[in-house]
Amino acid sequence: MVENIVIGIGITAFAGALASVAGAAEDVESDIGSQGDPNSQVQLAPQMGYIHRIFNKAISGEPPAYGLWVALGAGLAAAFLQVNVNPILALALGCAIATLVQGIYATTAYLGRVASLSKFGQPVYVDILKSMTTVTMAHAFIAIFASVTMCYLMNAALGHPFPLALLGLIWGIALGAAGSATGNPFYGKERQYQNQKFGAGVPVAASGNIVRYAEAGERNSLDNGWFAAKLGGPASGVCFGLIVFLELWRTVLFESFWAGWGAIIVGLILILIFTFIDRYAEVWARETFGPYAKPEGAAK
């Protein structure tokens, strides 16, 4: 019994580490591809007269997109496992094929979106298409592979009853949601609108007026990826890693108590604890910093 718990905690820690890597890679991939909530401003920019060189591949939000890609990678890996392919090779092949689908998705999405903006003068930059697609595919492979490997550990080592493809769908949606909720604000509010006063939000008059010039030349999505890899990516990784670790931790330790109700009760307690922490942090931040105001001594 004790040995099983120790092994389960070890698998839980490893799965949490994989989830952290997946969360960081997912957010960087999303920000390079401008997929998620901030994408609306990238899409709006040419309509407001602001031509840009930002890669724009969003068709759906991140949760359904990563639900598709991780489920596809997991399903293909399961199919390879059924014909006795080595597990590591099966996971790698399944995720590689899923990444190719992501690359096709990114290419058609970029061309389709820019074509819809042609009447506003937005051109298709072939160099952006070729360079950004490969970069997003590289980050997508890391996110998909880490997620599918995590699902495989749940299935093979922890005995999860769901099939691998279904686990991939569930955790892929969770991965996309974590990146969208945690990492996107860094890209949308802090990167796209660095020319606005901190804390001022996005005024209606500034809609579409994203930052289009970098330190040297015009800004492209690699600049956004560099920024996201420092801030939004790690934040998303910590978020998704904690979700996976705490979910598996409570299941491994408490599922044997009260016919499974122990894990459910611990889960509810964790929700209440995090709700209290979130509320306290929000109230403290509002009382400490308050709304944006002019610095003392500023000209009236």
C-alpha atoms as a PDB file:
ATOM      1  CA  MET A   1       0.000   0.000   0.000  1.00  0.00           C
ATOM      2  CA  VAL A   2       2.698   2.474   1.033  1.00  0.00           C
ATOM      3  CA  GLU A   3       4.837   1.477  -1.948  1.00  0.00           C
ATOM      4  CA  ASN A   4       1.943   2.124  -4.345  1.00  0.00           C
ATOM      5  CA  ILE A   5       1.355   5.549  -2.826  1.00  0.00           C
ATOM      6  CA  VAL A   6       5.050   6.453  -3.138  1.00  0.00           C
ATOM      7  CA  ILE A   7       5.077   5.352  -6.795  1.00  0.00           C
ATOM      8  CA  GLY A   8       1.849   7.264  -7.391  1.00  0.00           C
ATOM      9  CA  ILE A   9       3.287  10.447  -5.884  1.00  0.00           C
ATOM     10  CA  GLY A  10       6.384  10.064  -8.075  1.00  0.00           C
ATOM     11  CA  ILE A  11       4.245   9.677 -11.196  1.00  0.00           C
ATOM     12  CA  THR A  12       2.174  12.655 -10.040  1.00  0.00           C
ATOM     13  CA  ALA A  13       5.277  14.829  -9.700  1.00  0.00           C
ATOM     14  CA  PHE A  14       6.558  13.760 -13.130  1.00  0.00           C
ATOM     15  CA  ALA A  15       3.153  14.414 -14.724  1.00  0.00           C
ATOM     16  CA  GLY A  16       3.075  17.848 -13.086  1.00  0.00           C
ATOM     17  CA  ALA A  17       6.505  18.626 -14.518  1.00  0.00           C
ATOM     18  CA  LEU A  18       5.384  17.549 -17.993  1.00  0.00           C
ATOM     19  CA  ALA A  19       2.282  19.708 -17.614  1.00  0.00           C
ATOM     20  CA  SER A  20       4.435  22.720 -16.713  1.00  0.00           C
ATOM     21  CA  VAL A  21       6.479  22.258 -19.888  1.00  0.00           C
ATOM     22  CA  ALA A  22       3.295  21.814 -21.930  1.00  0.00           C
ATOM     23  CA  GLY A  23       1.716  24.959 -20.479  1.00  0.00           C
ATOM     24  CA  ALA A  24       4.765  27.105 -21.194  1.00  0.00           C
ATOM     25  CA  ALA A  25       5.113  25.812 -24.776  1.00  0.00           C
ATOM     26  CA  GLU A  26       1.388  26.185 -25.434  1.00  0.00           C
ATOM     27  CA  ASP A  27       1.333  29.838 -24.432  1.00  0.00           C
ATOM     28  CA  VAL A  28       4.404  30.742 -26.479  1.00  0.00           C
ATOM     29  CA  GLU A  29       2.951  28.903 -29.498  1.00  0.00           C
ATOM     30  CA  SER A  30      -0.349  30.705 -29.061  1.00  0.00           C
ATOM     31  CA  ASP A  31       1.246  34.140 -28.732  1.00  0.00           C
ATOM     32  CA  ILE A  32       3.503  33.640 -31.760  1.00  0.00           C
ATOM     33  CA  GLY A  33       0.451  32.581 -33.747  1.00  0.00           C
ATOM     34  CA  SER A  34      -1.746  35.291 -32.207  1.00  0.00           C
ATOM     35  CA  GLN A  35      -4.389  32.753 -31.288  1.00  0.00           C
ATOM     36  CA  GLY A  36      -6.637  33.543 -28.366  1.00  0.00           C
ATOM     37  CA  ASP A  37      -8.384  36.536 -26.864  1.00  0.00           C
ATOM     38  CA  PRO A  38      -5.816  39.214 -27.927  1.00  0.00           C
ATOM     39  CA  ASN A  39      -6.151  38.067 -31.541  1.00  0.00           C
ATOM     40  CA  SER A  40      -9.213  40.264 -32.030  1.00  0.00           C
ATOM     41  CA  GLN A  41      -7.010  43.365 -31.925  1.00  0.00           C
ATOM     42  CA  VAL A  42      -4.602  41.864 -34.476  1.00  0.00           C
ATOM     43  CA  GLN A  43      -7.544  41.084 -36.737  1.00  0.00           C
ATOM     44  CA  LEU A  44      -8.964  44.570 -36.245  1.00  0.00           C
ATOM     45  CA  ALA A  45      -5.712  46.465 -36.885  1.00  0.00           C
ATOM     46  CA  PRO A  46      -5.815  46.482 -40.742  1.00  0.00           C
ATOM     47  CA  GLN A  47      -9.465  47.515 -40.657  1.00  0.00           C
ATOM     48  CA  MET A  48      -8.398  50.570 -38.645  1.00  0.00           C
ATOM     49  CA  GLY A  49      -5.574  51.351 -41.081  1.00  0.00           C
ATOM     50  CA  TYR A  50      -2.713  49.714 -39.167  1.00  0.00           C
ATOM     51  CA  ILE A  51      -0.891  47.280 -41.458  1.00  0.00           C
ATOM     52  CA  HIS A  52       1.302  44.835 -39.523  1.00  0.00           C
ATOM     53  CA  ARG A  53       3.576  41.801 -39.777  1.00  0.00           C
ATOM     54  CA  ILE A  54       2.004  39.753 -36.970  1.00  0.00           C
ATOM     55  CA  PHE A  55       1.220  36.102 -37.711  1.00  0.00           C
ATOM     56  CA  ASN A  56      -2.523  35.581 -37.408  1.00  0.00           C
ATOM     57  CA  LYS A  57      -3.711  31.977 -37.414  1.00  0.00           C
ATOM     58  CA  ALA A  58      -6.708  31.943 -35.082  1.00  0.00           C
ATOM     59  CA  ILE A  59      -9.860  30.166 -36.204  1.00  0.00           C
ATOM     60  CA  SER A  60     -10.937  28.747 -32.866  1.00  0.00           C
ATOM     61  CA  GLY A  61      -9.837  29.476 -29.336  1.00  0.00           C
ATOM     62  CA  GLU A  62      -6.988  27.608 -27.708  1.00  0.00           C
ATOM     63  CA  PRO A  63      -9.081  25.071 -25.722  1.00  0.00           C
ATOM     64  CA  PRO A  64     -10.809  23.454 -28.733  1.00  0.00           C
ATOM     65  CA  ALA A  65      -7.638  23.670 -30.834  1.00  0.00           C
ATOM     66  CA  TYR A  66      -5.462  21.930 -28.267  1.00  0.00           C
ATOM     67  CA  GLY A  67      -8.263  19.514 -27.475  1.00  0.00           C
ATOM     68  CA  LEU A  68      -8.072  18.467 -31.135  1.00  0.00           C
ATOM     69  CA  TRP A  69      -4.288  18.281 -31.381  1.00  0.00           C
ATOM     70  CA  VAL A  70      -3.638  16.466 -28.103  1.00  0.00           C
ATOM     71  CA  ALA A  71      -6.529  14.064 -28.709  1.00  0.00           C
ATOM     72  CA  LEU A  72      -5.218  13.384 -32.210  1.00  0.00           C
ATOM     73  CA  GLY A  73      -1.698  12.757 -30.930  1.00  0.00           C
ATOM     74  CA  ALA A  74      -2.989  10.526 -28.135  1.00  0.00           C
ATOM     75  CA  GLY A  75      -5.314   8.592 -30.451  1.00  0.00           C
ATOM     76  CA  LEU A  76      -2.565   7.962 -32.982  1.00  0.00           C
ATOM     77  CA  ALA A  77      -0.179   6.919 -30.208  1.00  0.00           C
ATOM     78  CA  ALA A  78      -2.791   4.472 -28.915  1.00  0.00           C
ATOM     79  CA  ALA A  79      -3.188   3.039 -32.419  1.00  0.00           C
ATOM     80  CA  PHE A  80       0.581   2.518 -32.709  1.00  0.00           C
ATOM     81  CA  LEU A  81       0.631   0.897 -29.280  1.00  0.00           C
ATOM     82  CA  GLN A  82      -2.053  -1.545 -30.419  1.00  0.00           C
ATOM     83  CA  VAL A  83       0.304  -2.868 -33.124  1.00  0.00           C
ATOM     84  CA  ASN A  84       3.125  -3.285 -30.560  1.00  0.00           C
ATOM     85  CA  VAL A  85       5.177  -0.231 -31.481  1.00  0.00           C
ATOM     86  CA  ASN A  86       7.626   0.809 -28.760  1.00  0.00           C
ATOM     87  CA  PRO A  87       5.778   3.225 -26.404  1.00  0.00           C
ATOM     88  CA  ILE A  88       8.318   6.054 -26.751  1.00  0.00           C
ATOM     89  CA  LEU A  89       8.300   5.747 -30.546  1.00  0.00           C
ATOM     90  CA  ALA A  90       4.497   5.486 -30.580  1.00  0.00           C
ATOM     91  CA  LEU A  91       4.150   8.695 -28.555  1.00  0.00           C
ATOM     92  CA  ALA A  92       6.671  10.527 -30.736  1.00  0.00           C
ATOM     93  CA  LEU A  93       5.070   9.405 -34.020  1.00  0.00           C
ATOM     94  CA  GLY A  94       1.548  10.241 -32.874  1.00  0.00           C
ATOM     95  CA  CYS A  95       2.572  13.701 -31.709  1.00  0.00           C
ATOM     96  CA  ALA A  96       4.596  14.367 -34.864  1.00  0.00           C
ATOM     97  CA  ILE A  97       1.572  13.626 -37.063  1.00  0.00           C
ATOM     98  CA  ALA A  98      -0.620  15.809 -34.853  1.00  0.00           C
ATOM     99  CA  THR A  99       1.940  18.599 -35.225  1.00  0.00           C
ATOM    100  CA  LEU A 100       1.760  18.299 -39.017  1.00  0.00           C
ATOM    101  CA  VAL A 101      -1.999  18.819 -38.737  1.00  0.00           C
ATOM    102  CA  GLN A 102      -1.321  21.877 -36.575  1.00  0.00           C
ATOM    103  CA  GLY A 103       1.025  23.209 -39.281  1.00  0.00           C
ATOM    104  CA  ILE A 104      -1.642  22.760 -41.955  1.00  0.00           C
ATOM    105  CA  TYR A 105      -4.137  24.459 -39.685  1.00  0.00           C
ATOM    106  CA  ALA A 106      -1.762  27.392 -39.099  1.00  0.00           C
ATOM    107  CA  THR A 107      -1.008  27.821 -42.815  1.00  0.00           C
ATOM    108  CA  THR A 108      -4.611  27.767 -44.013  1.00  0.00           C
ATOM    109  CA  ALA A 109      -5.756  29.930 -41.119  1.00  0.00           C
ATOM    110  CA  TYR A 110      -3.137  32.607 -41.805  1.00  0.00           C
ATOM    111  CA  LEU A 111      -3.826  32.699 -45.541  1.00  0.00           C
ATOM    112  CA  GLY A 112      -7.582  32.684 -45.024  1.00  0.00           C
ATOM    113  CA  ARG A 113      -7.554  35.422 -42.433  1.00  0.00           C
ATOM    114  CA  VAL A 114      -5.238  37.703 -44.381  1.00  0.00           C
ATOM    115  CA  ALA A 115      -7.224  37.092 -47.576  1.00  0.00           C
ATOM    116  CA  SER A 116     -10.316  38.355 -45.764  1.00  0.00           C
ATOM    117  CA  LEU A 117      -8.398  41.567 -44.962  1.00  0.00           C
ATOM    118  CA  SER A 118      -7.088  42.208 -48.475  1.00  0.00           C
ATOM    119  CA  LYS A 119      -9.599  44.986 -49.119  1.00  0.00           C
ATOM    120  CA  PHE A 120      -8.043  46.870 -46.186  1.00  0.00           C
ATOM    121  CA  GLY A 121      -4.579  46.641 -47.756  1.00  0.00           C
ATOM    122  CA  GLN A 122      -3.151  43.893 -45.529  1.00  0.00           C
ATOM    123  CA  PRO A 123      -0.688  41.836 -47.649  1.00  0.00           C
ATOM    124  CA  VAL A 124       0.364  38.213 -47.238  1.00  0.00           C
ATOM    125  CA  TYR A 125       3.992  38.226 -46.107  1.00  0.00           C
ATOM    126  CA  VAL A 126       5.488  35.009 -47.450  1.00  0.00           C
ATOM    127  CA  ASP A 127       8.550  35.262 -45.196  1.00  0.00           C
ATOM    128  CA  ILE A 128       6.269  35.570 -42.154  1.00  0.00           C
ATOM    129  CA  LEU A 129       4.265  32.542 -43.273  1.00  0.00           C
ATOM    130  CA  LYS A 130       7.342  30.382 -43.784  1.00  0.00           C
ATOM    131  CA  SER A 131       9.247  31.415 -40.681  1.00  0.00           C
ATOM    132  CA  MET A 132       6.407  31.649 -38.152  1.00  0.00           C
ATOM    133  CA  THR A 133       4.648  28.423 -39.137  1.00  0.00           C
ATOM    134  CA  THR A 134       7.733  26.335 -38.415  1.00  0.00           C
ATOM    135  CA  VAL A 135       8.279  28.088 -35.075  1.00  0.00           C
ATOM    136  CA  THR A 136       4.686  27.524 -33.969  1.00  0.00           C
ATOM    137  CA  MET A 137       4.950  23.874 -35.029  1.00  0.00           C
ATOM    138  CA  ALA A 138       8.077  23.423 -32.915  1.00  0.00           C
ATOM    139  CA  HIS A 139       6.366  24.807 -29.818  1.00  0.00           C
ATOM    140  CA  ALA A 140       3.183  22.887 -30.583  1.00  0.00           C
ATOM    141  CA  PHE A 141       5.128  19.603 -30.760  1.00  0.00           C
ATOM    142  CA  ILE A 142       6.605  20.222 -27.312  1.00  0.00           C
ATOM    143  CA  ALA A 143       3.172  21.003 -25.866  1.00  0.00           C
ATOM    144  CA  ILE A 144       1.470  18.048 -27.559  1.00  0.00           C
ATOM    145  CA  PHE A 145       4.239  15.550 -26.735  1.00  0.00           C
ATOM    146  CA  ALA A 146       4.405  16.585 -23.075  1.00  0.00           C
ATOM    147  CA  SER A 147       0.613  16.385 -22.762  1.00  0.00           C
ATOM    148  CA  VAL A 148       0.280  13.009 -24.479  1.00  0.00           C
ATOM    149  CA  THR A 149       3.134  11.579 -22.394  1.00  0.00           C
ATOM    150  CA  MET A 150       1.381  12.847 -19.274  1.00  0.00           C
ATOM    151  CA  CYS A 151      -1.851  11.146 -20.376  1.00  0.00           C
ATOM    152  CA  TYR A 152       0.048   7.923 -21.102  1.00  0.00           C
ATOM    153  CA  LEU A 153       1.467   7.932 -17.561  1.00  0.00           C
ATOM    154  CA  MET A 154      -2.016   8.386 -16.124  1.00  0.00           C
ATOM    155  CA  ASN A 155      -3.281   5.499 -18.205  1.00  0.00           C
ATOM    156  CA  ALA A 156      -0.401   3.024 -17.920  1.00  0.00           C
ATOM    157  CA  ALA A 157       1.101   3.823 -14.506  1.00  0.00           C
ATOM    158  CA  LEU A 158      -1.887   5.082 -12.500  1.00  0.00           C
ATOM    159  CA  GLY A 159      -4.496   2.849 -14.139  1.00  0.00           C
ATOM    160  CA  HIS A 160      -6.850   5.637 -15.253  1.00  0.00           C
ATOM    161  CA  PRO A 161      -9.980   4.018 -16.748  1.00  0.00           C
ATOM    162  CA  PHE A 162     -10.391   6.484 -19.644  1.00  0.00           C
ATOM    163  CA  PRO A 163      -8.817   5.555 -23.006  1.00  0.00           C
ATOM    164  CA  LEU A 164      -5.775   7.530 -24.094  1.00  0.00           C
ATOM    165  CA  ALA A 165      -7.580   9.570 -26.763  1.00  0.00           C
ATOM    166  CA  LEU A 166     -10.299  10.683 -24.329  1.00  0.00           C
ATOM    167  CA  LEU A 167      -7.694  11.697 -21.772  1.00  0.00           C
ATOM    168  CA  GLY A 168      -5.961  13.661 -24.529  1.00  0.00           C
ATOM    169  CA  LEU A 169      -9.174  15.497 -25.376  1.00  0.00           C
ATOM    170  CA  ILE A 170      -9.903  16.408 -21.759  1.00  0.00           C
ATOM    171  CA  TRP A 171      -6.403  17.529 -20.852  1.00  0.00           C
ATOM    172  CA  GLY A 172      -5.894  19.240 -24.219  1.00  0.00           C
ATOM    173  CA  ILE A 173      -8.926  21.426 -23.546  1.00  0.00           C
ATOM    174  CA  ALA A 174      -7.618  22.116 -20.034  1.00  0.00           C
ATOM    175  CA  LEU A 175      -4.176  22.984 -21.439  1.00  0.00           C
ATOM    176  CA  GLY A 176      -5.623  25.480 -23.914  1.00  0.00           C
ATOM    177  CA  ALA A 177      -7.832  27.006 -21.233  1.00  0.00           C
ATOM    178  CA  ALA A 178      -4.901  27.445 -18.834  1.00  0.00           C
ATOM    179  CA  GLY A 179      -2.797  29.184 -21.488  1.00  0.00           C
ATOM    180  CA  SER A 180      -5.685  31.357 -22.637  1.00  0.00           C
ATOM    181  CA  ALA A 181      -6.626  32.493 -19.137  1.00  0.00           C
ATOM    182  CA  THR A 182      -3.112  32.886 -17.719  1.00  0.00           C
ATOM    183  CA  GLY A 183      -0.693  33.725 -20.518  1.00  0.00           C
ATOM    184  CA  ASN A 184      -2.802  35.771 -22.913  1.00  0.00           C
ATOM    185  CA  PRO A 185      -2.990  38.886 -20.705  1.00  0.00           C
ATOM    186  CA  PHE A 186       0.815  39.217 -20.932  1.00  0.00           C
ATOM    187  CA  TYR A 187       0.614  39.175 -24.714  1.00  0.00           C
ATOM    188  CA  GLY A 188      -2.566  41.163 -25.175  1.00  0.00           C
ATOM    189  CA  LYS A 189      -2.335  43.837 -22.494  1.00  0.00           C
ATOM    190  CA  GLU A 190       1.392  44.118 -21.859  1.00  0.00           C
ATOM    191  CA  ARG A 191       2.854  43.468 -25.330  1.00  0.00           C
ATOM    192  CA  GLN A 192       0.323  44.599 -27.915  1.00  0.00           C
ATOM    193  CA  TYR A 193      -0.401  47.834 -26.067  1.00  0.00           C
ATOM    194  CA  GLN A 194       2.943  48.864 -24.601  1.00  0.00           C
ATOM    195  CA  ASN A 195       2.256  52.346 -25.956  1.00  0.00           C
ATOM    196  CA  GLN A 196      -0.687  52.782 -23.553  1.00  0.00           C
ATOM    197  CA  LYS A 197      -0.388  53.872 -19.941  1.00  0.00           C
ATOM    198  CA  PHE A 198      -0.009  50.953 -17.556  1.00  0.00           C
ATOM    199  CA  GLY A 199      -3.339  50.050 -15.987  1.00  0.00           C
ATOM    200  CA  ALA A 200      -5.336  52.190 -18.394  1.00  0.00           C
ATOM    201  CA  GLY A 201      -6.803  49.264 -20.342  1.00  0.00           C
ATOM    202  CA  VAL A 202      -7.482  49.615 -24.046  1.00  0.00           C
ATOM    203  CA  PRO A 203      -9.400  52.824 -24.836  1.00  0.00           C
ATOM    204  CA  VAL A 204     -11.937  52.574 -27.653  1.00  0.00           C
ATOM    205  CA  ALA A 205      -9.938  55.100 -29.640  1.00  0.00           C
ATOM    206  CA  ALA A 206      -6.922  52.749 -29.514  1.00  0.00           C
ATOM    207  CA  SER A 207      -8.760  49.713 -30.861  1.00  0.00           C
ATOM    208  CA  GLY A 208      -6.556  48.013 -33.436  1.00  0.00           C
ATOM    209  CA  ASN A 209      -3.667  50.403 -32.812  1.00  0.00           C
ATOM    210  CA  ILE A 210      -1.309  47.647 -31.674  1.00  0.00           C
ATOM    211  CA  VAL A 211       2.444  48.157 -31.336  1.00  0.00           C
ATOM    212  CA  ARG A 212       3.806  47.383 -34.799  1.00  0.00           C
ATOM    213  CA  TYR A 213       7.451  48.379 -34.481  1.00  0.00           C
ATOM    214  CA  ALA A 214      10.129  46.574 -32.523  1.00  0.00           C
ATOM    215  CA  GLU A 215      13.475  47.768 -31.195  1.00  0.00           C
ATOM    216  CA  ALA A 216      14.850  47.443 -34.733  1.00  0.00           C
ATOM    217  CA  GLY A 217      12.448  47.429 -37.661  1.00  0.00           C
ATOM    218  CA  GLU A 218       8.882  46.223 -37.802  1.00  0.00           C
ATOM    219  CA  ARG A 219       7.682  43.901 -35.073  1.00  0.00           C
ATOM    220  CA  ASN A 220       6.812  40.337 -35.983  1.00  0.00           C
ATOM    221  CA  SER A 221       5.571  37.379 -34.000  1.00  0.00           C
ATOM    222  CA  LEU A 222       9.057  36.202 -33.021  1.00  0.00           C
ATOM    223  CA  ASP A 223       9.322  39.351 -30.910  1.00  0.00           C
ATOM    224  CA  ASN A 224       6.064  38.404 -29.225  1.00  0.00           C
ATOM    225  CA  GLY A 225       7.320  34.872 -28.663  1.00  0.00           C
ATOM    226  CA  TRP A 226      10.471  36.184 -27.002  1.00  0.00           C
ATOM    227  CA  PHE A 227       8.374  38.324 -24.682  1.00  0.00           C
ATOM    228  CA  ALA A 228       5.912  35.513 -23.909  1.00  0.00           C
ATOM    229  CA  ALA A 229       8.702  33.010 -23.188  1.00  0.00           C
ATOM    230  CA  LYS A 230       9.917  35.275 -20.364  1.00  0.00           C
ATOM    231  CA  LEU A 231       6.566  36.037 -18.722  1.00  0.00           C
ATOM    232  CA  GLY A 232       3.361  34.491 -20.036  1.00  0.00           C
ATOM    233  CA  GLY A 233       4.846  31.085 -20.834  1.00  0.00           C
ATOM    234  CA  PRO A 234       6.207  30.365 -17.344  1.00  0.00           C
ATOM    235  CA  ALA A 235       2.992  31.667 -15.761  1.00  0.00           C
ATOM    236  CA  SER A 236       0.906  29.344 -17.930  1.00  0.00           C
ATOM    237  CA  GLY A 237       3.255  26.459 -17.173  1.00  0.00           C
ATOM    238  CA  VAL A 238       2.929  26.961 -13.418  1.00  0.00           C
ATOM    239  CA  CYS A 239      -0.861  27.201 -13.773  1.00  0.00           C
ATOM    240  CA  PHE A 240      -1.302  23.998 -15.780  1.00  0.00           C
ATOM    241  CA  GLY A 241       1.355  22.153 -13.776  1.00  0.00           C
ATOM    242  CA  LEU A 242      -0.442  22.923 -10.516  1.00  0.00           C
ATOM    243  CA  ILE A 243      -3.783  21.852 -11.985  1.00  0.00           C
ATOM    244  CA  VAL A 244      -2.398  18.459 -13.027  1.00  0.00           C
ATOM    245  CA  PHE A 245      -0.324  17.912  -9.873  1.00  0.00           C
ATOM    246  CA  LEU A 246      -3.087  18.779  -7.422  1.00  0.00           C
ATOM    247  CA  GLU A 247      -5.664  16.768  -9.372  1.00  0.00           C
ATOM    248  CA  LEU A 248      -3.519  13.623  -9.388  1.00  0.00           C
ATOM    249  CA  TRP A 249      -2.203  14.201  -5.863  1.00  0.00           C
ATOM    250  CA  ARG A 250      -5.645  14.200  -4.275  1.00  0.00           C
ATOM    251  CA  THR A 251      -6.680  11.155  -6.311  1.00  0.00           C
ATOM    252  CA  VAL A 252      -3.592   9.101  -5.436  1.00  0.00           C
ATOM    253  CA  LEU A 253      -3.711   9.883  -1.704  1.00  0.00           C
ATOM    254  CA  PHE A 254      -7.406  10.083  -0.903  1.00  0.00           C
ATOM    255  CA  GLU A 255      -9.335   7.966  -3.412  1.00  0.00           C
ATOM    256  CA  SER A 256      -9.173   4.942  -1.083  1.00  0.00           C
ATOM    257  CA  PHE A 257     -11.021   6.801   1.694  1.00  0.00           C
ATOM    258  CA  TRP A 258     -14.815   6.607   2.000  1.00  0.00           C
ATOM    259  CA  ALA A 259     -15.345   4.780  -1.299  1.00  0.00           C
ATOM    260  CA  GLY A 260     -13.764   7.562  -3.358  1.00  0.00           C
ATOM    261  CA  TRP A 261     -15.505  10.421  -1.576  1.00  0.00           C
ATOM    262  CA  GLY A 262     -12.251  11.325   0.170  1.00  0.00           C
ATOM    263  CA  ALA A 263     -10.746  12.594  -3.086  1.00  0.00           C
ATOM    264  CA  ILE A 264     -13.909  14.564  -3.891  1.00  0.00           C
ATOM    265  CA  ILE A 265     -13.968  16.213  -0.452  1.00  0.00           C
ATOM    266  CA  VAL A 266     -10.293  17.160  -0.695  1.00  0.00           C
ATOM    267  CA  GLY A 267     -10.977  18.611  -4.148  1.00  0.00           C
ATOM    268  CA  LEU A 268     -13.768  20.785  -2.782  1.00  0.00           C
ATOM    269  CA  ILE A 269     -11.518  21.951   0.053  1.00  0.00           C
ATOM    270  CA  LEU A 270      -8.816  22.920  -2.461  1.00  0.00           C
ATOM    271  CA  ILE A 271     -11.371  24.893  -4.495  1.00  0.00           C
ATOM    272  CA  LEU A 272     -12.439  26.815  -1.375  1.00  0.00           C
ATOM    273  CA  ILE A 273      -8.810  27.523  -0.416  1.00  0.00           C
ATOM    274  CA  PHE A 274      -7.926  28.863  -3.863  1.00  0.00           C
ATOM    275  CA  THR A 275     -11.148  30.892  -3.979  1.00  0.00           C
ATOM    276  CA  PHE A 276     -10.175  32.561  -0.705  1.00  0.00           C
ATOM    277  CA  ILE A 277      -6.607  33.204  -1.927  1.00  0.00           C
ATOM    278  CA  ASP A 278      -7.861  34.692  -5.224  1.00  0.00           C
ATOM    279  CA  ARG A 279     -10.336  36.957  -3.464  1.00  0.00           C
ATOM    280  CA  TYR A 280      -7.762  38.122  -0.927  1.00  0.00           C
ATOM    281  CA  ALA A 281      -5.201  38.879  -3.648  1.00  0.00           C
ATOM    282  CA  GLU A 282      -7.741  40.826  -5.711  1.00  0.00           C
ATOM    283  CA  VAL A 283      -8.942  42.937  -2.778  1.00  0.00           C
ATOM    284  CA  TRP A 284      -5.379  43.567  -1.609  1.00  0.00           C
ATOM    285  CA  ALA A 285      -4.286  44.673  -5.091  1.00  0.00           C
ATOM    286  CA  ARG A 286      -7.239  47.026  -5.525  1.00  0.00           C
ATOM    287  CA  GLU A 287      -6.796  48.593  -2.087  1.00  0.00           C
ATOM    288  CA  THR A 288      -3.022  48.878  -2.462  1.00  0.00           C
ATOM    289  CA  PHE A 289      -2.763  50.193  -6.017  1.00  0.00           C
ATOM    290  CA  GLY A 290      -6.252  51.391  -6.818  1.00  0.00           C
ATOM    291  CA  PRO A 291      -7.231  52.762 -10.236  1.00  0.00           C
ATOM    292  CA  TYR A 292      -4.685  54.375 -12.530  1.00  0.00           C
ATOM    293  CA  ALA A 293      -3.920  57.931 -11.421  1.00  0.00           C
ATOM    294  CA  LYS A 294      -1.497  60.697 -12.318  1.00  0.00           C
ATOM    295  CA  PRO A 295       1.785  60.655 -10.378  1.00  0.00           C
ATOM    296  CA  GLU A 296       2.065  63.153  -7.572  1.00  0.00           C
ATOM    297  CA  GLY A 297       3.389  66.481  -8.781  1.00  0.00           C
ATOM    298  CA  ALA A 298       2.247  65.913 -12.368  1.00  0.00           C
ATOM    299  CA  ALA A 299       1.019  68.944 -14.277  1.00  0.00           C
ATOM    300  CA  LYS A 300      -2.700  69.467 -13.885  1.00  0.00           C
END
